[in-house]
């Protein structure tokens, strides 16, 4: 029996059957040129018509006259049918002859307004005496739905102040009816996080103000999300862990801060916590995701869910297994109308070096899919620097850097997937049997095991130790087609490796059997 069980383990451990996100628009290139380095794409859905914009860094005009140059910022607007509404257009209006570098769309952000206007915030690094731009400033540029410019670039970190600070890495949100809030790293009073509001009705720009609420420094990598009434700003903060940083947040009601800065991650000092991102549902619930090294030197994704009042919902959630190496680029995160969320990140795991990954989770943080490749080209080409946003209907918009058409420089790609809610609904009528990997794994003391039945079946689900001895019977009986989840409590068992096995005999004569490994770590 022991030998038979071990053989069964070997036979079934390689089988992975996971729920997928249905593709609406398959992979397609957004950037038009080859032999030009492109990098750091960001995507923005248009709530009016299902179109979307992508903007990115692009060296097609060259870098020879740049002080530290990487190129310009380019954009494109794509229709809901994946056909280009615009050709690639240059976002910044700085001429090529000046000495400057405005680069890396990690430091910039596109946003559609309700009327279809596209606003792209961006960061300039370097100095241009001719154009009047100085090092480390943030600007925004506005375009109509056809990509036509709506005026000059507007500086947003130096308005109405005689002792301005530098601005760096902006993001933006709309506070209805007519206020844009830009958030960025701000150096006026040290390395802090600042914000500037722009009144869209008259174009007036307010004074830049501090969002981080004390005089300490080492604040970087800010990001904002809003549902219109509530806004959350997150960043990496060195006040309690100067060498590694923690994730902090500030909540706004309307355009006004509500309460003080709040530390998000709950682990002890010493762990690397950076690249925090936030996504929000229309009802004000939100999730903050970040890269964390507490249990894996290569980094894992962690998340914390919050209610609409800013209170924590449950404990931190570890989203990825500790077998990854995270490339130093922020994750993407999007949340749908029901509070379900997806994350996307650049990861390196054995056999797939630096590829774009994604995974969906329920509003309680339970995984709805396994770890999926964003693109189907991962077997032949690298991908990464991935961003994801949710449209007004919950559709998921992805963009990433992809090497398949230009291995040396990359091209910007995009795709659109179904909403998370649609994926859940589709899974309620399964087409096949499968057994999910338990989550979390390793676990202490409980873990969830999910499985799917495509026909009325007699089901047994049992847990065994390394010697093949039965430890627990979790399911033994007839069940209807559907998606199921059971909990295994290992509180009374010793730490170690265990296996769980499902056997489902359908009334249609089909028999399904699978085995997976789980690790109890106390």
Protein backbone atom coordinates (compact mmCIF):
# COMPACT_ATOMS: atom_id res chain seq x y z
CA UNK A 1 0.00 0.00 0.00
CA UNK A 2 2.77 2.41 0.87
CA UNK A 3 4.57 1.77 -2.41
CA UNK A 4 1.34 2.16 -4.41
CA UNK A 5 0.61 5.45 -2.68
CA UNK A 6 4.07 6.86 -3.31
CA UNK A 7 3.81 5.92 -7.01
CA UNK A 8 0.43 7.64 -7.13
CA UNK A 9 1.97 10.75 -5.61
CA UNK A 10 4.64 10.83 -8.31
CA UNK A 11 2.06 10.29 -11.03
CA UNK A 12 -0.28 13.05 -9.94
CA UNK A 13 1.97 15.74 -8.43
CA UNK A 14 2.70 17.15 -11.92
CA UNK A 15 -0.98 17.61 -12.73
CA UNK A 16 -2.16 21.17 -12.19
CA UNK A 17 -5.70 22.11 -13.11
CA UNK A 18 -6.66 25.66 -12.18
CA UNK A 19 -9.45 28.07 -13.03
CA UNK A 20 -8.56 30.51 -15.78
CA UNK A 21 -9.58 34.07 -16.60
CA UNK A 22 -11.35 34.06 -19.95
CA UNK A 23 -9.58 36.13 -22.62
CA UNK A 24 -11.66 38.76 -24.42
CA UNK A 25 -8.87 40.35 -26.47
CA UNK A 26 -5.77 38.21 -27.00
CA UNK A 27 -2.19 39.49 -26.77
CA UNK A 28 -1.36 42.23 -29.26
CA UNK A 29 1.47 44.78 -29.59
CA UNK A 30 0.75 48.40 -28.69
CA UNK A 31 4.09 50.07 -29.41
CA UNK A 32 4.64 50.41 -33.15
CA UNK A 33 8.41 50.41 -33.61
CA UNK A 34 11.19 47.89 -33.17
CA UNK A 35 14.84 48.53 -32.36
CA UNK A 36 13.85 51.14 -29.79
CA UNK A 37 13.99 50.43 -26.09
CA UNK A 38 10.58 50.56 -24.42
CA UNK A 39 9.81 50.15 -20.74
CA UNK A 40 7.42 50.58 -17.80
CA UNK A 41 3.94 50.52 -19.41
CA UNK A 42 0.83 51.58 -17.49
CA UNK A 43 -2.78 51.05 -18.61
CA UNK A 44 -5.97 53.08 -18.10
CA UNK A 45 -9.50 51.90 -19.08
CA UNK A 46 -12.00 54.40 -20.47
CA UNK A 47 -15.32 53.99 -18.68
CA UNK A 48 -17.24 55.55 -21.58
CA UNK A 49 -16.80 52.93 -24.29
CA UNK A 50 -14.44 50.11 -23.29
CA UNK A 51 -11.43 51.66 -24.99
CA UNK A 52 -8.21 52.05 -23.08
CA UNK A 53 -4.90 53.90 -23.14
CA UNK A 54 -1.39 52.65 -22.57
CA UNK A 55 1.59 54.91 -21.94
CA UNK A 56 5.23 53.94 -21.62
CA UNK A 57 8.85 55.06 -21.87
CA UNK A 58 10.24 54.95 -25.42
CA UNK A 59 13.71 55.69 -26.85
CA UNK A 60 12.68 55.83 -30.54
CA UNK A 61 13.91 59.44 -30.86
CA UNK A 62 17.27 58.49 -29.39
CA UNK A 63 19.10 59.33 -26.20
CA UNK A 64 22.36 60.84 -27.45
CA UNK A 65 21.49 64.40 -26.40
CA UNK A 66 20.04 63.45 -23.03
CA UNK A 67 21.85 64.16 -19.77
CA UNK A 68 20.99 60.71 -18.40
CA UNK A 69 18.58 59.86 -21.09
CA UNK A 70 16.22 57.00 -21.56
CA UNK A 71 13.86 58.59 -24.05
CA UNK A 72 10.39 60.09 -24.16
CA UNK A 73 6.99 59.09 -22.89
CA UNK A 74 4.65 57.74 -25.56
CA UNK A 75 1.00 56.75 -25.48
CA UNK A 76 -1.68 55.05 -27.55
CA UNK A 77 -5.47 54.77 -27.31
CA UNK A 78 -6.94 51.40 -28.27
CA UNK A 79 -10.58 50.60 -29.06
CA UNK A 80 -12.66 47.89 -27.43
CA UNK A 81 -12.05 45.79 -30.57
CA UNK A 82 -8.25 46.00 -30.09
CA UNK A 83 -7.95 48.29 -33.12
CA UNK A 84 -5.81 51.37 -32.61
CA UNK A 85 -7.80 54.60 -32.31
CA UNK A 86 -4.54 56.56 -32.40
CA UNK A 87 -1.06 55.95 -33.65
CA UNK A 88 1.61 56.09 -30.98
CA UNK A 89 1.88 59.71 -29.87
CA UNK A 90 4.51 61.55 -27.86
CA UNK A 91 3.13 62.60 -24.47
CA UNK A 92 5.77 65.15 -23.41
CA UNK A 93 6.41 68.20 -25.56
CA UNK A 94 10.10 68.63 -24.81
CA UNK A 95 12.08 68.85 -28.03
CA UNK A 96 14.74 66.29 -28.81
CA UNK A 97 17.50 68.94 -28.96
CA UNK A 98 17.32 69.75 -25.27
CA UNK A 99 19.38 67.98 -22.64
CA UNK A 100 17.00 66.13 -20.35
CA UNK A 101 15.60 62.74 -19.58
CA UNK A 102 11.92 62.14 -18.94
CA UNK A 103 11.61 58.43 -18.49
CA UNK A 104 10.17 55.31 -16.93
CA UNK A 105 6.44 55.24 -16.78
CA UNK A 106 6.78 53.60 -13.39
CA UNK A 107 7.19 57.28 -12.55
CA UNK A 108 4.10 58.38 -14.46
CA UNK A 109 0.41 57.60 -14.72
CA UNK A 110 -2.45 57.78 -17.29
CA UNK A 111 -6.06 58.40 -16.26
CA UNK A 112 -9.29 58.83 -18.25
CA UNK A 113 -11.71 61.48 -17.02
CA UNK A 114 -15.47 60.85 -17.22
CA UNK A 115 -15.75 62.97 -20.38
CA UNK A 116 -13.15 60.84 -22.18
CA UNK A 117 -10.21 63.21 -21.75
CA UNK A 118 -6.93 61.38 -21.13
CA UNK A 119 -4.59 62.90 -18.53
CA UNK A 120 -1.05 61.54 -18.29
CA UNK A 121 1.13 62.58 -15.35
CA UNK A 122 4.87 62.15 -15.79
CA UNK A 123 8.21 62.78 -14.18
CA UNK A 124 11.16 64.53 -15.80
CA UNK A 125 14.72 63.83 -14.74
CA UNK A 126 17.52 66.06 -15.99
CA UNK A 127 17.69 69.78 -16.83
CA UNK A 128 16.64 71.77 -19.88
CA UNK A 129 17.57 75.44 -19.79
CA UNK A 130 15.82 76.10 -23.11
CA UNK A 131 12.53 74.57 -22.07
CA UNK A 132 12.75 75.71 -18.45
CA UNK A 133 12.42 72.23 -16.94
CA UNK A 134 14.59 71.44 -13.97
CA UNK A 135 15.54 68.13 -12.43
CA UNK A 136 12.88 66.00 -10.76
CA UNK A 137 9.62 67.74 -11.54
CA UNK A 138 6.19 66.27 -12.25
CA UNK A 139 3.92 67.40 -15.06
CA UNK A 140 0.67 66.38 -16.66
CA UNK A 141 -0.43 66.46 -20.29
CA UNK A 142 -4.03 66.23 -21.51
CA UNK A 143 -5.38 64.67 -24.73
CA UNK A 144 -8.76 64.15 -26.32
CA UNK A 145 -10.15 60.73 -27.24
CA UNK A 146 -8.24 60.85 -30.55
CA UNK A 147 -4.90 61.51 -28.88
CA UNK A 148 -4.80 65.19 -29.84
CA UNK A 149 -3.09 67.50 -27.38
CA UNK A 150 -5.32 69.81 -25.32
CA UNK A 151 -2.62 72.29 -24.34
CA UNK A 152 0.82 72.72 -22.89
CA UNK A 153 2.42 70.44 -20.32
CA UNK A 154 1.49 71.63 -16.82
CA UNK A 155 3.88 71.49 -13.88
CA UNK A 156 2.15 70.32 -10.70
CA UNK A 157 4.78 70.38 -7.96
CA UNK A 158 5.83 74.05 -8.08
CA UNK A 159 2.63 76.06 -8.21
CA UNK A 160 2.08 78.99 -5.82
CA UNK A 161 5.13 78.36 -3.65
CA UNK A 162 8.43 80.21 -3.44
CA UNK A 163 10.38 77.27 -1.98
CA UNK A 164 9.24 74.37 -4.11
CA UNK A 165 10.38 70.82 -3.69
CA UNK A 166 11.21 68.31 -6.36
CA UNK A 167 8.53 65.90 -7.47
CA UNK A 168 9.00 62.31 -8.48
CA UNK A 169 6.93 59.24 -9.54
CA UNK A 170 3.38 60.63 -9.73
CA UNK A 171 -0.02 58.93 -9.77
CA UNK A 172 -3.43 60.56 -9.92
CA UNK A 173 -7.10 60.08 -9.04
CA UNK A 174 -10.30 61.98 -9.79
CA UNK A 175 -12.32 63.40 -6.90
CA UNK A 176 -15.75 64.30 -8.36
CA UNK A 177 -16.99 66.50 -9.70
CA UNK A 178 -13.90 68.33 -10.92
CA UNK A 179 -10.79 67.81 -8.78
CA UNK A 180 -7.70 65.89 -9.81
CA UNK A 181 -5.41 64.81 -7.00
CA UNK A 182 -1.81 64.13 -7.98
CA UNK A 183 0.37 62.23 -5.51
CA UNK A 184 4.16 62.01 -5.72
CA UNK A 185 7.43 61.87 -3.84
CA UNK A 186 8.10 65.43 -2.63
CA UNK A 187 11.41 66.77 -1.34
CA UNK A 188 10.54 70.24 0.01
CA UNK A 189 10.77 69.19 3.68
CA UNK A 190 12.87 66.07 3.23
CA UNK A 191 11.99 62.90 1.37
CA UNK A 192 8.25 62.89 1.92
CA UNK A 193 5.01 62.21 0.06
CA UNK A 194 3.13 65.22 -1.29
CA UNK A 195 -0.05 65.99 -3.15
CA UNK A 196 -1.39 68.69 -5.45
CA UNK A 197 -4.99 69.31 -6.50
CA UNK A 198 -6.03 70.70 -9.87
CA UNK A 199 -9.47 72.25 -10.36
CA UNK A 200 -10.58 71.01 -13.76
CA UNK A 201 -13.34 73.60 -14.09
CA UNK A 202 -10.92 76.54 -14.16
CA UNK A 203 -7.45 74.94 -14.37
CA UNK A 204 -6.24 76.38 -11.05
CA UNK A 205 -3.49 74.47 -9.24
CA UNK A 206 -3.35 74.35 -5.46
CA UNK A 207 -0.31 74.46 -3.22
CA UNK A 208 1.53 71.18 -2.86
CA UNK A 209 0.92 69.74 0.62
CA UNK A 210 2.49 66.96 2.66
CA UNK A 211 0.64 63.65 2.95
CA UNK A 212 3.24 61.93 5.12
CA UNK A 213 2.66 63.39 8.59
CA UNK A 214 5.98 63.76 10.38
CA UNK A 215 9.42 65.24 9.72
CA UNK A 216 11.30 62.00 9.13
CA UNK A 217 12.58 61.14 5.68
CA UNK A 218 12.92 58.05 3.48
CA UNK A 219 9.43 58.09 1.93
CA UNK A 220 9.26 56.73 -1.61
CA UNK A 221 7.08 54.92 -4.15
CA UNK A 222 3.67 56.52 -3.61
CA UNK A 223 0.49 55.35 -5.30
CA UNK A 224 -3.20 56.32 -5.03
CA UNK A 225 -6.63 54.81 -5.72
CA UNK A 226 -10.10 56.30 -5.28
CA UNK A 227 -13.79 55.53 -5.65
CA UNK A 228 -14.59 59.26 -5.85
CA UNK A 229 -15.64 59.68 -2.22
CA UNK A 230 -12.68 57.99 -0.54
CA UNK A 231 -9.05 58.00 -1.62
CA UNK A 232 -6.18 55.89 -0.32
CA UNK A 233 -2.52 56.84 -0.77
CA UNK A 234 0.15 54.23 -0.01
CA UNK A 235 3.93 54.47 0.07
CA UNK A 236 7.11 52.95 1.51
CA UNK A 237 8.12 54.73 4.72
CA UNK A 238 11.35 54.57 6.73
CA UNK A 239 10.13 56.03 10.02
CA UNK A 240 10.11 52.73 11.92
CA UNK A 241 12.54 50.75 9.77
CA UNK A 242 14.91 53.15 7.98
CA UNK A 243 16.99 50.54 6.17
CA UNK A 244 14.15 48.36 4.81
CA UNK A 245 10.96 50.39 5.06
CA UNK A 246 7.32 49.66 5.86
CA UNK A 247 4.10 50.23 3.95
CA UNK A 248 2.08 53.22 5.17
CA UNK A 249 -1.23 54.66 4.02
CA UNK A 250 -3.29 57.81 4.34
CA UNK A 251 -7.06 57.85 3.84
CA UNK A 252 -8.91 60.85 2.39
CA UNK A 253 -12.61 61.67 2.50
CA UNK A 254 -13.21 63.92 -0.45
CA UNK A 255 -10.03 65.98 -0.75
CA UNK A 256 -9.40 66.06 3.02
CA UNK A 257 -7.22 63.67 5.08
CA UNK A 258 -9.14 61.43 7.48
CA UNK A 259 -7.05 60.46 10.49
CA UNK A 260 -3.28 60.11 10.38
CA UNK A 261 -0.82 57.88 8.58
CA UNK A 262 -1.31 54.17 9.26
CA UNK A 263 1.29 51.39 9.08
CA UNK A 264 -0.08 48.57 6.90
CA UNK A 265 2.32 45.64 7.26
CA UNK A 266 2.36 43.96 10.67
CA UNK A 267 5.69 42.10 10.64
CA UNK A 268 8.66 43.01 12.82
CA UNK A 269 11.28 45.50 11.62
CA UNK A 270 13.98 44.17 9.34
CA UNK A 271 11.92 42.85 6.43
CA UNK A 272 12.00 44.57 3.05
CA UNK A 273 8.57 46.10 2.37
CA UNK A 274 8.26 48.14 -0.81
CA UNK A 275 6.28 48.77 -3.98
CA UNK A 276 2.90 49.11 -2.27
CA UNK A 277 -0.12 49.35 -4.57
CA UNK A 278 -3.79 49.89 -3.75
CA UNK A 279 -7.05 49.15 -5.56
CA UNK A 280 -10.58 50.08 -4.49
CA UNK A 281 -14.12 48.84 -5.13
CA UNK A 282 -16.96 51.31 -5.83
CA UNK A 283 -18.33 50.80 -2.29
CA UNK A 284 -15.03 51.93 -0.74
CA UNK A 285 -13.52 48.57 0.21
CA UNK A 286 -9.89 48.38 -0.78
CA UNK A 287 -6.84 46.14 -0.84
CA UNK A 288 -3.17 47.06 -0.44
CA UNK A 289 -0.57 44.76 -2.01
CA UNK A 290 3.20 44.94 -1.59
CA UNK A 291 6.45 42.99 -1.97
CA UNK A 292 7.65 41.56 1.35
CA UNK A 293 10.74 39.47 2.21
CA UNK A 294 9.75 38.24 5.69
CA UNK A 295 9.55 34.59 4.63
CA UNK A 296 11.49 34.58 1.35
CA UNK A 297 14.62 36.60 0.52
CA UNK A 298 13.43 36.76 -3.08
CA UNK A 299 10.18 38.36 -1.96
CA UNK A 300 6.51 37.41 -1.79
CA UNK A 301 3.36 39.35 -2.44
CA UNK A 302 1.37 40.20 0.66
CA UNK A 303 -2.03 41.88 0.89
CA UNK A 304 -4.22 43.51 3.51
CA UNK A 305 -7.95 44.00 2.95
CA UNK A 306 -9.83 47.00 4.40
CA UNK A 307 -13.46 47.96 4.81
CA UNK A 308 -14.96 51.15 3.40
CA UNK A 309 -14.37 52.89 6.74
CA UNK A 310 -10.65 52.18 6.57
CA UNK A 311 -10.71 49.37 9.15
CA UNK A 312 -8.75 46.17 8.56
CA UNK A 313 -10.63 43.12 7.32
CA UNK A 314 -8.85 40.06 8.70
CA UNK A 315 -5.11 39.59 8.81
CA UNK A 316 -2.45 39.98 6.17
CA UNK A 317 -2.62 37.47 3.34
CA UNK A 318 0.41 35.89 1.69
CA UNK A 319 -0.51 35.75 -1.99
CA UNK A 320 2.40 33.82 -3.47
CA UNK A 321 4.48 30.77 -2.58
CA UNK A 322 8.03 31.27 -1.34
CA UNK A 323 9.75 29.91 -4.43
CA UNK A 324 9.88 33.16 -6.37
CA UNK A 325 12.33 35.89 -7.12
CA UNK A 326 10.58 39.20 -7.64
CA UNK A 327 12.04 41.59 -10.14
CA UNK A 328 12.23 45.07 -8.62
CA UNK A 329 9.11 46.47 -10.23
CA UNK A 330 5.79 47.25 -8.55
CA UNK A 331 2.96 44.73 -8.73
CA UNK A 332 -0.31 45.64 -10.39
CA UNK A 333 -3.62 45.24 -8.57
CA UNK A 334 -7.26 45.73 -9.59
CA UNK A 335 -10.51 45.28 -7.64
CA UNK A 336 -13.98 44.68 -9.10
CA UNK A 337 -17.42 45.82 -7.98
CA UNK A 338 -17.75 42.86 -5.60
CA UNK A 339 -14.43 43.35 -3.86
CA UNK A 340 -12.73 40.46 -5.69
CA UNK A 341 -9.24 41.41 -6.78
CA UNK A 342 -6.42 40.37 -9.10
CA UNK A 343 -2.71 40.93 -8.76
CA UNK A 344 -0.06 40.94 -11.47
CA UNK A 345 3.69 40.91 -11.01
CA UNK A 346 7.05 40.15 -12.60
CA UNK A 347 8.41 36.90 -11.27
CA UNK A 348 11.19 34.44 -11.89
CA UNK A 349 10.58 30.77 -11.09
CA UNK A 350 12.51 27.72 -12.30
CA UNK A 351 12.14 27.27 -16.05
CA UNK A 352 10.42 30.62 -16.68
CA UNK A 353 12.83 33.51 -16.15
CA UNK A 354 11.16 36.87 -15.60
CA UNK A 355 7.61 36.40 -16.81
CA UNK A 356 4.42 38.29 -16.10
CA UNK A 357 2.18 36.46 -13.64
CA UNK A 358 -1.37 37.07 -12.40
CA UNK A 359 -3.78 35.56 -9.87
CA UNK A 360 -7.37 36.25 -8.81
CA UNK A 361 -8.71 36.33 -5.25
CA UNK A 362 -12.13 36.62 -3.66
CA UNK A 363 -13.25 39.56 -1.53
CA UNK A 364 -12.13 37.58 1.54
CA UNK A 365 -8.70 36.86 0.10
CA UNK A 366 -9.23 33.23 -0.92
CA UNK A 367 -7.56 32.31 -4.22
CA UNK A 368 -9.92 31.90 -7.15
CA UNK A 369 -7.23 30.83 -9.62
CA UNK A 370 -3.75 29.45 -9.46
CA UNK A 371 -0.75 31.52 -10.49
CA UNK A 372 -1.27 32.14 -14.20
CA UNK A 373 0.96 33.46 -16.97
CA UNK A 374 -0.38 36.75 -18.32
CA UNK A 375 0.83 35.84 -21.81
CA UNK A 376 1.09 32.54 -23.64
CA UNK A 377 4.54 33.43 -25.00
CA UNK A 378 6.39 32.62 -21.78
CA UNK A 379 7.94 29.45 -23.20
CA UNK A 380 9.91 31.38 -25.82
CA UNK A 381 10.18 34.99 -24.62
CA UNK A 382 10.52 36.94 -21.44
CA UNK A 383 7.77 39.24 -20.23
CA UNK A 384 7.37 41.56 -17.27
CA UNK A 385 6.80 45.08 -15.98
CA UNK A 386 3.11 44.20 -15.93
CA UNK A 387 0.22 46.47 -14.96
CA UNK A 388 -3.49 45.63 -14.57
CA UNK A 389 -6.61 47.74 -14.12
CA UNK A 390 -10.34 46.91 -13.89
CA UNK A 391 -12.83 48.55 -16.22
CA UNK A 392 -16.25 49.82 -15.14
CA UNK A 393 -17.76 46.44 -16.12
CA UNK A 394 -15.06 44.54 -14.24
CA UNK A 395 -13.08 43.53 -17.33
CA UNK A 396 -9.35 43.23 -16.66
CA UNK A 397 -6.94 45.28 -18.77
CA UNK A 398 -3.32 44.12 -18.84
CA UNK A 399 -0.20 45.68 -20.32
CA UNK A 400 3.39 44.45 -20.12
CA UNK A 401 6.82 44.47 -21.71
CA UNK A 402 7.25 41.49 -24.05
CA UNK A 403 10.38 40.24 -25.84
CA UNK A 404 8.78 38.00 -28.47
CA UNK A 405 8.99 40.50 -31.38
CA UNK A 406 12.13 42.35 -30.33
CA UNK A 407 14.29 40.33 -27.92
CA UNK A 408 16.86 43.09 -27.44
CA UNK A 409 14.49 45.98 -26.65
CA UNK A 410 11.00 44.56 -26.16
CA UNK A 411 7.61 45.72 -27.34
CA UNK A 412 4.65 46.92 -25.28
CA UNK A 413 1.76 44.41 -25.38
CA UNK A 414 -1.80 44.44 -24.02
CA UNK A 415 -4.78 42.12 -23.59
CA UNK A 416 -8.23 42.16 -22.01
CA UNK A 417 -9.70 39.37 -19.86
CA UNK A 418 -13.14 38.73 -18.45
CA UNK A 419 -14.17 40.08 -15.08
CA UNK A 420 -13.37 38.04 -12.01
CA UNK A 421 -17.08 37.71 -11.28
CA UNK A 422 -17.67 36.22 -14.73
CA UNK A 423 -14.90 33.73 -14.12
CA UNK A 424 -16.50 32.66 -10.84
CA UNK A 425 -19.88 32.26 -12.52
CA UNK A 426 -18.38 30.17 -15.28
CA UNK A 427 -16.71 27.93 -12.72
CA UNK A 428 -20.09 27.21 -11.08
CA UNK A 429 -20.88 24.82 -13.96
CA UNK A 430 -17.57 22.99 -14.34
CA UNK A 431 -16.61 21.27 -17.56
CA UNK A 432 -14.15 18.87 -15.93
CA UNK A 433 -12.93 17.46 -12.63
CA UNK A 434 -9.90 18.98 -10.93
CA UNK A 435 -8.18 19.35 -7.58
CA UNK A 436 -6.69 22.68 -6.49
CA UNK A 437 -3.49 23.18 -4.56
CA UNK A 438 -4.32 23.92 -0.94
CA UNK A 439 -3.97 27.50 0.32
CA UNK A 440 -2.08 28.64 2.25
CA UNK A 441 0.78 26.20 1.85
CA UNK A 442 2.78 25.89 4.09
CA UNK A 443 0.03 26.39 6.69
CA UNK A 444 -0.53 26.54 10.45
CA UNK A 445 -2.91 25.23 11.62
CA UNK A 446 -5.63 25.33 8.92
CA UNK A 447 -5.65 25.32 5.14
CA UNK A 448 -8.34 25.29 2.45
CA UNK A 449 -8.57 22.60 -0.23
CA UNK A 450 -10.69 23.27 -3.30
CA UNK A 451 -11.92 20.91 -5.99
CA UNK A 452 -14.35 20.80 -8.89
CA UNK A 453 -16.84 18.16 -10.05
CA UNK A 454 -18.34 18.04 -13.54
CA UNK A 455 -20.90 15.34 -12.74
CA UNK A 456 -22.80 13.87 -9.81
CA UNK A 457 -20.13 11.79 -8.09
CA UNK A 458 -19.25 9.79 -5.04
CA UNK A 459 -16.30 11.70 -3.60
CA UNK A 460 -13.65 10.82 -1.04
CA UNK A 461 -11.04 13.34 0.00
CA UNK A 462 -8.46 12.06 2.48
CA UNK A 463 -5.19 13.24 4.00
CA UNK A 464 -2.18 10.92 4.39
CA UNK A 465 1.23 11.20 6.04
CA UNK A 466 4.56 10.53 4.32
CA UNK A 467 4.27 6.79 5.02
CA UNK A 468 0.90 6.55 3.30
CA UNK A 469 -1.09 6.25 6.51
CA UNK A 470 -4.53 7.84 6.49
CA UNK A 471 -4.63 10.90 8.74
CA UNK A 472 -8.09 12.35 8.10
CA UNK A 473 -11.18 11.91 5.93
CA UNK A 474 -12.49 15.28 4.83
CA UNK A 475 -15.20 14.15 2.37
CA UNK A 476 -16.92 10.79 1.86
CA UNK A 477 -20.26 10.88 0.06
CA UNK A 478 -22.21 11.84 -3.04
CA UNK A 479 -21.99 15.44 -4.32
CA UNK A 480 -23.55 17.38 -7.19
CA UNK A 481 -21.53 19.12 -9.93
CA UNK A 482 -19.94 22.30 -8.68
CA UNK A 483 -16.97 23.97 -7.02
CA UNK A 484 -16.22 22.95 -3.44
CA UNK A 485 -13.85 23.98 -0.69
CA UNK A 486 -13.10 22.17 2.58
CA UNK A 487 -10.80 23.03 5.48
CA UNK A 488 -8.16 20.76 6.94
CA UNK A 489 -7.21 21.53 10.55
CA UNK A 490 -3.71 20.30 11.36
CA UNK A 491 -3.74 21.56 14.92
CA UNK A 492 -3.36 18.10 16.46
CA UNK A 493 -0.75 16.85 14.00
CA UNK A 494 3.01 17.34 13.97
CA UNK A 495 4.85 19.52 11.48
CA UNK A 496 5.79 17.85 8.23
CA UNK A 497 4.81 16.93 4.69
CA UNK A 498 1.37 15.41 4.08
CA UNK A 499 -0.60 14.48 0.98
CA UNK A 500 -4.26 14.80 0.14
CA UNK A 501 -6.03 12.61 -2.39
CA UNK A 502 -9.38 12.94 -4.08
CA UNK A 503 -11.24 10.08 -5.78
CA UNK A 504 -14.44 11.00 -7.59
CA UNK A 505 -16.55 8.38 -9.38
CA UNK A 506 -19.16 10.05 -11.53
CA UNK A 507 -22.57 8.63 -12.37
CA UNK A 508 -21.52 9.09 -16.00
CA UNK A 509 -18.87 6.42 -15.49
CA UNK A 510 -15.95 8.84 -15.36
CA UNK A 511 -13.40 8.34 -12.57
CA UNK A 512 -11.07 11.09 -11.39
CA UNK A 513 -8.18 10.76 -8.96
CA UNK A 514 -5.49 13.29 -8.00
CA UNK A 515 -2.95 13.81 -5.23
CA UNK A 516 -1.20 16.97 -4.03
CA UNK A 517 1.27 17.79 -1.31
CA UNK A 518 0.66 20.06 1.69
CA UNK A 519 3.13 21.23 4.33
CA UNK A 520 2.23 21.79 7.98
CA UNK A 521 4.74 24.16 9.55
CA UNK A 522 4.31 25.01 13.23
